[in-house]
PDB file of all heavy atoms in Angstrom:
ATOM      1  N   PRO A   1       0.829  -1.208   0.000  1.00  0.00           N
ATOM      2  CA  PRO A   1       0.000   0.000   0.000  1.00  0.00           C
ATOM      3  C   PRO A   1       0.869   1.265   0.000  1.00  0.00           C
ATOM      4  O   PRO A   1       1.918   1.313   0.651  1.00  0.00           O
ATOM      5  CB  PRO A   1      -0.803  -0.115   1.296  1.00  0.00           C
ATOM      6  CG  PRO A   1      -0.798  -1.578   1.612  1.00  0.00           C
ATOM      7  CD  PRO A   1       0.535  -2.082   1.156  1.00  0.00           C
ATOM      8  N   GLU A   2       0.408   2.269  -0.733  1.00  0.00           N
ATOM      9  CA  GLU A   2       1.121   3.544  -0.775  1.00  0.00           C
ATOM     10  C   GLU A   2       0.470   4.535   0.174  1.00  0.00           C
ATOM     11  O   GLU A   2      -0.528   5.182  -0.161  1.00  0.00           O
ATOM     12  CB  GLU A   2       1.107   4.118  -2.204  1.00  0.00           C
ATOM     13  CG  GLU A   2       2.135   3.507  -3.124  1.00  0.00           C
ATOM     14  CD  GLU A   2       2.359   4.373  -4.351  1.00  0.00           C
ATOM     15  OE1 GLU A   2       1.563   4.252  -5.299  1.00  0.00           O
ATOM     16  OE2 GLU A   2       3.319   5.171  -4.364  1.00  0.00           O
ATOM     17  N   GLY A   3       1.014   4.614   1.384  1.00  0.00           N
ATOM     18  CA  GLY A   3       0.608   5.670   2.294  1.00  0.00           C
ATOM     19  C   GLY A   3      -0.567   5.372   3.189  1.00  0.00           C
ATOM     20  O   GLY A   3      -0.773   6.059   4.179  1.00  0.00           O
ATOM     21  N   TRP A   4      -1.373   4.341   2.902  1.00  0.00           N
ATOM     22  CA  TRP A   4      -2.577   4.129   3.706  1.00  0.00           C
ATOM     23  C   TRP A   4      -2.463   2.924   4.651  1.00  0.00           C
ATOM     24  O   TRP A   4      -3.301   2.733   5.525  1.00  0.00           O
ATOM     25  CB  TRP A   4      -3.809   3.976   2.813  1.00  0.00           C
ATOM     26  CG  TRP A   4      -3.730   2.907   1.764  1.00  0.00           C
ATOM     27  CD1 TRP A   4      -3.163   3.024   0.525  1.00  0.00           C
ATOM     28  CD2 TRP A   4      -4.238   1.574   1.848  1.00  0.00           C
ATOM     29  NE1 TRP A   4      -3.265   1.835  -0.166  1.00  0.00           N
ATOM     30  CE2 TRP A   4      -3.936   0.933   0.617  1.00  0.00           C
ATOM     31  CE3 TRP A   4      -4.913   0.855   2.825  1.00  0.00           C
ATOM     32  CZ2 TRP A   4      -4.284  -0.379   0.359  1.00  0.00           C
ATOM     33  CZ3 TRP A   4      -5.270  -0.456   2.570  1.00  0.00           C
ATOM     34  CH2 TRP A   4      -4.954  -1.060   1.342  1.00  0.00           C
ATOM     35  N   TYR A   5      -1.432   2.078   4.476  1.00  0.00           N
ATOM     36  CA  TYR A   5      -1.209   0.955   5.388  1.00  0.00           C
ATOM     37  C   TYR A   5       0.236   0.519   5.214  1.00  0.00           C
ATOM     38  O   TYR A   5       0.818   0.644   4.136  1.00  0.00           O
ATOM     39  CB  TYR A   5      -2.180  -0.192   5.085  1.00  0.00           C
ATOM     40  CG  TYR A   5      -2.022  -1.388   5.989  1.00  0.00           C
ATOM     41  CD1 TYR A   5      -2.200  -1.268   7.362  1.00  0.00           C
ATOM     42  CD2 TYR A   5      -1.690  -2.632   5.472  1.00  0.00           C
ATOM     43  CE1 TYR A   5      -2.041  -2.362   8.197  1.00  0.00           C
ATOM     44  CE2 TYR A   5      -1.540  -3.729   6.297  1.00  0.00           C
ATOM     45  CZ  TYR A   5      -1.712  -3.589   7.666  1.00  0.00           C
ATOM     46  OH  TYR A   5      -1.559  -4.673   8.494  1.00  0.00           O
ATOM     47  N   GLU A   6       0.831  -0.021   6.287  1.00  0.00           N
ATOM     48  CA  GLU A   6       2.279  -0.232   6.263  1.00  0.00           C
ATOM     49  C   GLU A   6       2.729  -1.592   5.747  1.00  0.00           C
ATOM     50  O   GLU A   6       3.872  -1.749   5.310  1.00  0.00           O
ATOM     51  CB  GLU A   6       2.847  -0.030   7.675  1.00  0.00           C
ATOM     52  CG  GLU A   6       2.257  -0.961   8.714  1.00  0.00           C
ATOM     53  CD  GLU A   6       2.762  -0.678  10.123  1.00  0.00           C
ATOM     54  OE1 GLU A   6       3.464   0.322  10.304  1.00  0.00           O
ATOM     55  OE2 GLU A   6       2.438  -1.460  11.032  1.00  0.00           O
ATOM     56  N   ASN A   7       1.886  -2.627   5.792  1.00  0.00           N
ATOM     57  CA  ASN A   7       2.304  -3.973   5.404  1.00  0.00           C
ATOM     58  C   ASN A   7       1.794  -4.358   4.021  1.00  0.00           C
ATOM     59  O   ASN A   7       0.756  -3.872   3.569  1.00  0.00           O
ATOM     60  CB  ASN A   7       1.815  -4.999   6.430  1.00  0.00           C
ATOM     61  CG  ASN A   7       2.449  -4.796   7.788  1.00  0.00           C
ATOM     62  OD1 ASN A   7       3.604  -4.390   7.895  1.00  0.00           O
ATOM     63  ND2 ASN A   7       1.687  -5.074   8.843  1.00  0.00           N
ATOM     64  N   ALA A   8       2.511  -5.273   3.373  1.00  0.00           N
ATOM     65  CA  ALA A   8       2.125  -5.725   2.035  1.00  0.00           C
ATOM     66  C   ALA A   8       0.865  -6.588   2.097  1.00  0.00           C
ATOM     67  O   ALA A   8       0.574  -7.245   3.097  1.00  0.00           O
ATOM     68  CB  ALA A   8       3.267  -6.502   1.404  1.00  0.00           C
ATOM     69  N   LEU A   9       0.108  -6.592   0.999  1.00  0.00           N
ATOM     70  CA  LEU A   9      -1.112  -7.376   0.870  1.00  0.00           C
ATOM     71  C   LEU A   9      -0.929  -8.449  -0.196  1.00  0.00           C
ATOM     72  O   LEU A   9      -0.263  -8.223  -1.210  1.00  0.00           O
ATOM     73  CB  LEU A   9      -2.295  -6.480   0.482  1.00  0.00           C
ATOM     74  CG  LEU A   9      -2.617  -5.309   1.403  1.00  0.00           C
ATOM     75  CD1 LEU A   9      -3.735  -4.477   0.801  1.00  0.00           C
ATOM     76  CD2 LEU A   9      -3.012  -5.795   2.793  1.00  0.00           C
ATOM     77  N   ASN A  10      -1.545  -9.620   0.030  1.00  0.00           N
ATOM     78  CA  ASN A  10      -1.567 -10.673  -0.978  1.00  0.00           C
ATOM     79  C   ASN A  10      -2.867 -10.579  -1.755  1.00  0.00           C
ATOM     80  O   ASN A  10      -3.933 -10.348  -1.172  1.00  0.00           O
ATOM     81  CB  ASN A  10      -1.467 -12.057  -0.332  1.00  0.00           C
ATOM     82  CG  ASN A  10      -0.071 -12.338   0.174  1.00  0.00           C
ATOM     83  OD1 ASN A  10       0.910 -12.011  -0.484  1.00  0.00           O
ATOM     84  ND2 ASN A  10       0.024 -12.937   1.349  1.00  0.00           N
ATOM     85  N   ALA A  11      -2.787 -10.790  -3.064  1.00  0.00           N
ATOM     86  CA  ALA A  11      -3.982 -10.725  -3.896  1.00  0.00           C
ATOM     87  C   ALA A  11      -3.850 -11.701  -5.056  1.00  0.00           C
ATOM     88  O   ALA A  11      -2.740 -11.967  -5.532  1.00  0.00           O
ATOM     89  CB  ALA A  11      -4.188  -9.312  -4.429  1.00  0.00           C
ATOM     90  N   TYR A  12      -4.995 -12.264  -5.483  1.00  0.00           N
ATOM     91  CA  TYR A  12      -5.047 -13.073  -6.698  1.00  0.00           C
ATOM     92  C   TYR A  12      -5.859 -12.291  -7.720  1.00  0.00           C
ATOM     93  O   TYR A  12      -7.011 -11.937  -7.471  1.00  0.00           O
ATOM     94  CB  TYR A  12      -5.714 -14.425  -6.439  1.00  0.00           C
ATOM     95  CG  TYR A  12      -4.980 -15.300  -5.449  1.00  0.00           C
ATOM     96  CD1 TYR A  12      -5.669 -16.035  -4.495  1.00  0.00           C
ATOM     97  CD2 TYR A  12      -3.591 -15.392  -5.473  1.00  0.00           C
ATOM     98  CE1 TYR A  12      -4.997 -16.831  -3.587  1.00  0.00           C
ATOM     99  CE2 TYR A  12      -2.911 -16.183  -4.568  1.00  0.00           C
ATOM    100  CZ  TYR A  12      -3.620 -16.901  -3.630  1.00  0.00           C
ATOM    101  OH  TYR A  12      -2.953 -17.694  -2.729  1.00  0.00           O
ATOM    102  N   VAL A  13      -5.267 -12.026  -8.869  1.00  0.00           N
ATOM    103  CA  VAL A  13      -5.948 -11.230  -9.876  1.00  0.00           C
ATOM    104  C   VAL A  13      -5.925 -11.957 -11.210  1.00  0.00           C
ATOM    105  O   VAL A  13      -5.051 -12.796 -11.471  1.00  0.00           O
ATOM    106  CB  VAL A  13      -5.302  -9.830 -10.027  1.00  0.00           C
ATOM    107  CG1 VAL A  13      -5.451  -9.041  -8.745  1.00  0.00           C
ATOM    108  CG2 VAL A  13      -3.831  -9.941 -10.411  1.00  0.00           C
ATOM    109  N   LEU A  14      -6.900 -11.649 -12.050  1.00  0.00           N
ATOM    110  CA  LEU A  14      -6.965 -12.204 -13.402  1.00  0.00           C
ATOM    111  C   LEU A  14      -6.307 -11.226 -14.360  1.00  0.00           C
ATOM    112  O   LEU A  14      -6.746 -10.086 -14.500  1.00  0.00           O
ATOM    113  CB  LEU A  14      -8.427 -12.442 -13.803  1.00  0.00           C
ATOM    114  CG  LEU A  14      -9.194 -13.467 -12.970  1.00  0.00           C
ATOM    115  CD1 LEU A  14     -10.654 -13.524 -13.415  1.00  0.00           C
ATOM    116  CD2 LEU A  14      -8.558 -14.848 -13.093  1.00  0.00           C
ATOM    117  N   GLU A  15      -5.273 -11.681 -15.005  1.00  0.00           N
ATOM    118  CA  GLU A  15      -4.544 -10.850 -15.952  1.00  0.00           C
ATOM    119  C   GLU A  15      -4.168 -11.706 -17.158  1.00  0.00           C
ATOM    120  O   GLU A  15      -3.964 -12.914 -17.048  1.00  0.00           O
ATOM    121  CB  GLU A  15      -3.262 -10.284 -15.310  1.00  0.00           C
ATOM    122  CG  GLU A  15      -3.505  -9.322 -14.154  1.00  0.00           C
ATOM    123  CD  GLU A  15      -3.864  -7.931 -14.627  1.00  0.00           C
ATOM    124  OE1 GLU A  15      -3.664  -7.636 -15.810  1.00  0.00           O
ATOM    125  OE2 GLU A  15      -4.346  -7.141 -13.796  1.00  0.00           O
ATOM    126  N   ASP A  16      -4.053 -11.070 -18.322  1.00  0.00           N
ATOM    127  CA  ASP A  16      -3.581 -11.773 -19.510  1.00  0.00           C
ATOM    128  C   ASP A  16      -2.068 -11.957 -19.481  1.00  0.00           C
ATOM    129  O   ASP A  16      -1.522 -12.841 -20.124  1.00  0.00           O
ATOM    130  CB  ASP A  16      -3.972 -11.013 -20.776  1.00  0.00           C
ATOM    131  CG  ASP A  16      -5.476 -11.022 -20.991  1.00  0.00           C
ATOM    132  OD1 ASP A  16      -6.109 -12.040 -20.660  1.00  0.00           O
ATOM    133  OD2 ASP A  16      -6.017 -10.015 -21.468  1.00  0.00           O
ATOM    134  N   ALA A  17      -1.377 -11.090 -18.752  1.00  0.00           N
ATOM    135  CA  ALA A  17       0.076 -11.164 -18.641  1.00  0.00           C
ATOM    136  C   ALA A  17       0.485 -10.686 -17.257  1.00  0.00           C
ATOM    137  O   ALA A  17      -0.292 -10.034 -16.554  1.00  0.00           O
ATOM    138  CB  ALA A  17       0.736 -10.297 -19.726  1.00  0.00           C
ATOM    139  N   LEU A  18       1.686 -11.041 -16.851  1.00  0.00           N
ATOM    140  CA  LEU A  18       2.161 -10.597 -15.551  1.00  0.00           C
ATOM    141  C   LEU A  18       2.203  -9.078 -15.496  1.00  0.00           C
ATOM    142  O   LEU A  18       2.726  -8.430 -16.423  1.00  0.00           O
ATOM    143  CB  LEU A  18       3.569 -11.149 -15.290  1.00  0.00           C
ATOM    144  CG  LEU A  18       3.695 -12.650 -15.029  1.00  0.00           C
ATOM    145  CD1 LEU A  18       5.162 -13.031 -14.906  1.00  0.00           C
ATOM    146  CD2 LEU A  18       2.945 -13.052 -13.785  1.00  0.00           C
ATOM    147  N   PRO A  19       1.645  -8.465 -14.447  1.00  0.00           N
ATOM    148  CA  PRO A  19       1.731  -7.008 -14.329  1.00  0.00           C
ATOM    149  C   PRO A  19       3.177  -6.573 -14.095  1.00  0.00           C
ATOM    150  O   PRO A  19       3.974  -7.320 -13.522  1.00  0.00           O
ATOM    151  CB  PRO A  19       0.846  -6.701 -13.115  1.00  0.00           C
ATOM    152  CG  PRO A  19       0.835  -7.960 -12.314  1.00  0.00           C
ATOM    153  CD  PRO A  19       0.940  -9.080 -13.304  1.00  0.00           C
ATOM    154  N   ARG A  20       3.497  -5.395 -14.563  1.00  0.00           N
ATOM    155  CA  ARG A  20       4.835  -4.865 -14.327  1.00  0.00           C
ATOM    156  C   ARG A  20       5.005  -4.529 -12.851  1.00  0.00           C
ATOM    157  O   ARG A  20       4.074  -4.072 -12.199  1.00  0.00           O
ATOM    158  CB  ARG A  20       5.062  -3.605 -15.167  1.00  0.00           C
ATOM    159  CG  ARG A  20       5.099  -3.862 -16.665  1.00  0.00           C
ATOM    160  CD  ARG A  20       5.349  -2.559 -17.405  1.00  0.00           C
ATOM    161  NE  ARG A  20       5.384  -2.762 -18.842  1.00  0.00           N
ATOM    162  CZ  ARG A  20       5.565  -1.777 -19.724  1.00  0.00           C
ATOM    163  NH1 ARG A  20       5.717  -0.522 -19.289  1.00  0.00           N
ATOM    164  NH2 ARG A  20       5.590  -2.041 -21.018  1.00  0.00           N
ATOM    165  N   LEU A  21       6.206  -4.740 -12.365  1.00  0.00           N
ATOM    166  CA  LEU A  21       6.479  -4.383 -10.975  1.00  0.00           C
ATOM    167  C   LEU A  21       6.622  -2.871 -10.857  1.00  0.00           C
ATOM    168  O   LEU A  21       7.042  -2.194 -11.798  1.00  0.00           O
ATOM    169  CB  LEU A  21       7.762  -5.067 -10.488  1.00  0.00           C
ATOM    170  CG  LEU A  21       7.802  -6.599 -10.610  1.00  0.00           C
ATOM    171  CD1 LEU A  21       9.065  -7.140  -9.942  1.00  0.00           C
ATOM    172  CD2 LEU A  21       6.563  -7.246 -10.024  1.00  0.00           C
ATOM    173  N   GLY A  22       6.218  -2.353  -9.694  1.00  0.00           N
ATOM    174  CA  GLY A  22       6.358  -0.928  -9.449  1.00  0.00           C
ATOM    175  C   GLY A  22       5.045  -0.229  -9.181  1.00  0.00           C
ATOM    176  O   GLY A  22       4.014  -0.858  -8.914  1.00  0.00           O
ATOM    177  N   ARG A  23       5.070   1.095  -9.272  1.00  0.00           N
ATOM    178  CA  ARG A  23       3.903   1.918  -8.959  1.00  0.00           C
ATOM    179  C   ARG A  23       2.932   1.965 -10.137  1.00  0.00           C
ATOM    180  O   ARG A  23       3.175   1.423 -11.193  1.00  0.00           O
ATOM    181  CB  ARG A  23       4.350   3.338  -8.592  1.00  0.00           C
ATOM    182  CG  ARG A  23       5.064   3.428  -7.251  1.00  0.00           C
ATOM    183  CD  ARG A  23       5.449   4.866  -6.920  1.00  0.00           C
ATOM    184  NE  ARG A  23       5.835   5.006  -5.527  1.00  0.00           N
ATOM    185  CZ  ARG A  23       7.042   4.691  -5.067  1.00  0.00           C
ATOM    186  NH1 ARG A  23       7.985   4.252  -5.913  1.00  0.00           N
ATOM    187  NH2 ARG A  23       7.322   4.814  -3.781  1.00  0.00           N
ATOM    188  N   GLY A  24       1.812   2.665  -9.872  1.00  0.00           N
ATOM    189  CA  GLY A  24       0.856   2.903 -10.940  1.00  0.00           C
ATOM    190  C   GLY A  24      -0.325   1.961 -10.951  1.00  0.00           C
ATOM    191  O   GLY A  24      -0.991   1.816 -11.972  1.00  0.00           O
ATOM    192  N   TYR A  25      -0.629   1.315  -9.803  1.00  0.00           N
ATOM    193  CA  TYR A  25      -1.765   0.401  -9.731  1.00  0.00           C
ATOM    194  C   TYR A  25      -2.733   0.835  -8.633  1.00  0.00           C
ATOM    195  O   TYR A  25      -2.343   1.445  -7.631  1.00  0.00           O
ATOM    196  CB  TYR A  25      -1.293  -1.031  -9.445  1.00  0.00           C
ATOM    197  CG  TYR A  25      -0.618  -1.677 -10.630  1.00  0.00           C
ATOM    198  CD1 TYR A  25       0.752  -1.559 -10.802  1.00  0.00           C
ATOM    199  CD2 TYR A  25      -1.342  -2.394 -11.573  1.00  0.00           C
ATOM    200  CE1 TYR A  25       1.385  -2.141 -11.886  1.00  0.00           C
ATOM    201  CE2 TYR A  25      -0.727  -2.980 -12.658  1.00  0.00           C
ATOM    202  CZ  TYR A  25       0.639  -2.855 -12.819  1.00  0.00           C
ATOM    203  OH  TYR A  25       1.258  -3.428 -13.895  1.00  0.00           O
ATOM    204  N   LEU A  26      -3.994   0.496  -8.845  1.00  0.00           N
ATOM    205  CA  LEU A  26      -5.047   0.755  -7.866  1.00  0.00           C
ATOM    206  C   LEU A  26      -5.681  -0.567  -7.469  1.00  0.00           C
ATOM    207  O   LEU A  26      -5.912  -1.435  -8.310  1.00  0.00           O
ATOM    208  CB  LEU A  26      -6.113   1.684  -8.456  1.00  0.00           C
ATOM    209  CG  LEU A  26      -5.641   3.072  -8.907  1.00  0.00           C
ATOM    210  CD1 LEU A  26      -6.752   3.782  -9.651  1.00  0.00           C
ATOM    211  CD2 LEU A  26      -5.181   3.899  -7.713  1.00  0.00           C
ATOM    212  N   MET A  27      -5.974  -0.721  -6.185  1.00  0.00           N
ATOM    213  CA  MET A  27      -6.540  -1.974  -5.690  1.00  0.00           C
ATOM    214  C   MET A  27      -7.756  -1.702  -4.824  1.00  0.00           C
ATOM    215  O   MET A  27      -7.816  -0.707  -4.107  1.00  0.00           O
ATOM    216  CB  MET A  27      -5.486  -2.746  -4.885  1.00  0.00           C
ATOM    217  CG  MET A  27      -5.982  -4.089  -4.342  1.00  0.00           C
ATOM    218  SD  MET A  27      -4.659  -5.043  -3.538  1.00  0.00           S
ATOM    219  CE  MET A  27      -3.758  -5.597  -4.999  1.00  0.00           C
ATOM    220  N   SER A  28      -8.728  -2.604  -4.906  1.00  0.00           N
ATOM    221  CA  SER A  28      -9.877  -2.585  -4.002  1.00  0.00           C
ATOM    222  C   SER A  28     -10.234  -4.029  -3.682  1.00  0.00           C
ATOM    223  O   SER A  28      -9.711  -4.954  -4.290  1.00  0.00           O
ATOM    224  CB  SER A  28     -11.070  -1.859  -4.636  1.00  0.00           C
ATOM    225  OG  SER A  28     -11.506  -2.547  -5.797  1.00  0.00           O
ATOM    226  N   PHE A  29     -11.123  -4.230  -2.713  1.00  0.00           N
ATOM    227  CA  PHE A  29     -11.556  -5.572  -2.335  1.00  0.00           C
ATOM    228  C   PHE A  29     -13.067  -5.646  -2.415  1.00  0.00           C
ATOM    229  O   PHE A  29     -13.783  -4.780  -1.903  1.00  0.00           O
ATOM    230  CB  PHE A  29     -11.070  -5.928  -0.930  1.00  0.00           C
ATOM    231  CG  PHE A  29      -9.619  -6.271  -0.871  1.00  0.00           C
ATOM    232  CD1 PHE A  29      -8.662  -5.277  -0.780  1.00  0.00           C
ATOM    233  CD2 PHE A  29      -9.200  -7.589  -0.942  1.00  0.00           C
ATOM    234  CE1 PHE A  29      -7.317  -5.586  -0.747  1.00  0.00           C
ATOM    235  CE2 PHE A  29      -7.853  -7.917  -0.904  1.00  0.00           C
ATOM    236  CZ  PHE A  29      -6.911  -6.913  -0.807  1.00  0.00           C
ATOM    237  N   GLU A  30     -13.552  -6.688  -3.100  1.00  0.00           N
ATOM    238  CA  GLU A  30     -14.982  -6.848  -3.335  1.00  0.00           C
ATOM    239  C   GLU A  30     -15.737  -7.229  -2.070  1.00  0.00           C
ATOM    240  O   GLU A  30     -16.926  -6.976  -1.947  1.00  0.00           O
ATOM    241  CB  GLU A  30     -15.204  -7.908  -4.414  1.00  0.00           C
ATOM    242  CG  GLU A  30     -16.616  -7.964  -4.947  1.00  0.00           C
ATOM    243  CD  GLU A  30     -16.717  -8.906  -6.128  1.00  0.00           C
ATOM    244  OE1 GLU A  30     -16.377 -10.086  -5.954  1.00  0.00           O
ATOM    245  OE2 GLU A  30     -17.120  -8.463  -7.208  1.00  0.00           O
ATOM    246  N   ARG A  31     -15.038  -7.858  -1.126  1.00  0.00           N
ATOM    247  CA  ARG A  31     -15.692  -8.331   0.092  1.00  0.00           C
ATOM    248  C   ARG A  31     -14.687  -8.274   1.230  1.00  0.00           C
ATOM    249  O   ARG A  31     -13.494  -8.447   1.013  1.00  0.00           O
ATOM    250  CB  ARG A  31     -16.184  -9.762  -0.104  1.00  0.00           C
ATOM    251  CG  ARG A  31     -17.016 -10.315   1.027  1.00  0.00           C
ATOM    252  CD  ARG A  31     -17.445 -11.736   0.709  1.00  0.00           C
ATOM    253  NE  ARG A  31     -18.167 -11.818  -0.553  1.00  0.00           N
ATOM    254  CZ  ARG A  31     -18.365 -12.950  -1.230  1.00  0.00           C
ATOM    255  NH1 ARG A  31     -17.882 -14.077  -0.778  1.00  0.00           N
ATOM    256  NH2 ARG A  31     -19.031 -12.944  -2.362  1.00  0.00           N
ATOM    257  N   ALA A  32     -15.165  -8.032   2.430  1.00  0.00           N
ATOM    258  CA  ALA A  32     -14.281  -7.986   3.594  1.00  0.00           C
ATOM    259  C   ALA A  32     -15.032  -8.496   4.812  1.00  0.00           C
ATOM    260  O   ALA A  32     -16.264  -8.575   4.820  1.00  0.00           O
ATOM    261  CB  ALA A  32     -13.789  -6.562   3.832  1.00  0.00           C
ATOM    262  N   TYR A  33     -14.282  -8.862   5.858  1.00  0.00           N
ATOM    263  CA  TYR A  33     -14.867  -9.393   7.083  1.00  0.00           C
ATOM    264  C   TYR A  33     -14.255  -8.665   8.269  1.00  0.00           C
ATOM    265  O   TYR A  33     -13.037  -8.477   8.338  1.00  0.00           O
ATOM    266  CB  TYR A  33     -14.595 -10.895   7.204  1.00  0.00           C
ATOM    267  CG  TYR A  33     -15.092 -11.693   6.034  1.00  0.00           C
ATOM    268  CD1 TYR A  33     -14.298 -11.865   4.902  1.00  0.00           C
ATOM    269  CD2 TYR A  33     -16.360 -12.260   6.037  1.00  0.00           C
ATOM    270  CE1 TYR A  33     -14.756 -12.593   3.813  1.00  0.00           C
ATOM    271  CE2 TYR A  33     -16.830 -12.986   4.953  1.00  0.00           C
ATOM    272  CZ  TYR A  33     -16.018 -13.148   3.845  1.00  0.00           C
ATOM    273  OH  TYR A  33     -16.467 -13.863   2.768  1.00  0.00           O
ATOM    274  N   LEU A  34     -15.103  -8.270   9.193  1.00  0.00           N
ATOM    275  CA  LEU A  34     -14.657  -7.549  10.372  1.00  0.00           C
ATOM    276  C   LEU A  34     -14.858  -8.424  11.607  1.00  0.00           C
ATOM    277  O   LEU A  34     -15.968  -8.904  11.861  1.00  0.00           O
ATOM    278  CB  LEU A  34     -15.452  -6.246  10.533  1.00  0.00           C
ATOM    279  CG  LEU A  34     -15.095  -5.377  11.738  1.00  0.00           C
ATOM    280  CD1 LEU A  34     -13.654  -4.893  11.643  1.00  0.00           C
ATOM    281  CD2 LEU A  34     -16.045  -4.186  11.823  1.00  0.00           C
ATOM    282  N   TYR A  35     -13.786  -8.623  12.360  1.00  0.00           N
ATOM    283  CA  TYR A  35     -13.832  -9.508  13.520  1.00  0.00           C
ATOM    284  C   TYR A  35     -13.242  -8.838  14.746  1.00  0.00           C
ATOM    285  O   TYR A  35     -12.327  -8.018  14.649  1.00  0.00           O
ATOM    286  CB  TYR A  35     -13.021 -10.784  13.260  1.00  0.00           C
ATOM    287  CG  TYR A  35     -13.799 -11.892  12.618  1.00  0.00           C
ATOM    288  CD1 TYR A  35     -13.885 -11.980  11.234  1.00  0.00           C
ATOM    289  CD2 TYR A  35     -14.435 -12.855  13.387  1.00  0.00           C
ATOM    290  CE1 TYR A  35     -14.588 -13.009  10.631  1.00  0.00           C
ATOM    291  CE2 TYR A  35     -15.140 -13.885  12.792  1.00  0.00           C
ATOM    292  CZ  TYR A  35     -15.216 -13.963  11.421  1.00  0.00           C
ATOM    293  OH  TYR A  35     -15.918 -14.977  10.832  1.00  0.00           O
ATOM    294  N   ARG A  36     -13.770  -9.232  15.887  1.00  0.00           N
ATOM    295  CA  ARG A  36     -13.100  -9.017  17.161  1.00  0.00           C
ATOM    296  C   ARG A  36     -13.003 -10.386  17.810  1.00  0.00           C
ATOM    297  O   ARG A  36     -14.011 -10.957  18.229  1.00  0.00           O
ATOM    298  CB  ARG A  36     -13.863  -8.051  18.060  1.00  0.00           C
ATOM    299  CG  ARG A  36     -13.223  -7.929  19.462  1.00  0.00           C
ATOM    300  CD  ARG A  36     -13.875  -6.816  20.258  1.00  0.00           C
ATOM    301  NE  ARG A  36     -13.550  -5.518  19.682  1.00  0.00           N
ATOM    302  CZ  ARG A  36     -14.298  -4.418  19.845  1.00  0.00           C
ATOM    303  NH1 ARG A  36     -15.404  -4.478  20.565  1.00  0.00           N
ATOM    304  NH2 ARG A  36     -13.931  -3.280  19.291  1.00  0.00           N
ATOM    305  N   GLY A  37     -11.788 -10.928  17.851  1.00  0.00           N
ATOM    306  CA  GLY A  37     -11.630 -12.309  18.290  1.00  0.00           C
ATOM    307  C   GLY A  37     -12.344 -13.232  17.316  1.00  0.00           C
ATOM    308  O   GLY A  37     -12.103 -13.198  16.123  1.00  0.00           O
ATOM    309  N   VAL A  38     -13.262 -14.077  17.838  1.00  0.00           N
ATOM    310  CA  VAL A  38     -14.022 -14.965  16.957  1.00  0.00           C
ATOM    311  C   VAL A  38     -15.397 -14.395  16.643  1.00  0.00           C
ATOM    312  O   VAL A  38     -16.239 -15.075  16.057  1.00  0.00           O
ATOM    313  CB  VAL A  38     -14.177 -16.372  17.574  1.00  0.00           C
ATOM    314  CG1 VAL A  38     -12.839 -17.049  17.697  1.00  0.00           C
ATOM    315  CG2 VAL A  38     -14.888 -16.302  18.917  1.00  0.00           C
ATOM    316  N   CYS A  39     -15.643 -13.160  17.029  1.00  0.00           N
ATOM    317  CA  CYS A  39     -16.941 -12.548  16.778  1.00  0.00           C
ATOM    318  C   CYS A  39     -16.905 -11.758  15.492  1.00  0.00           C
ATOM    319  O   CYS A  39     -16.074 -10.886  15.300  1.00  0.00           O
ATOM    320  CB  CYS A  39     -17.312 -11.630  17.935  1.00  0.00           C
ATOM    321  SG  CYS A  39     -18.837 -10.747  17.641  1.00  0.00           S
TER     322      CYS A  39
END
């Protein structure tokens, strides 16, 4: 993440070719889960 979170994220994406390494990409997540412990 650039500026909004400090650790790297893992993602699986559909691409016709390997994306170039470096800047210039935008990411979002279609679904997320919020937990406190097991709740």
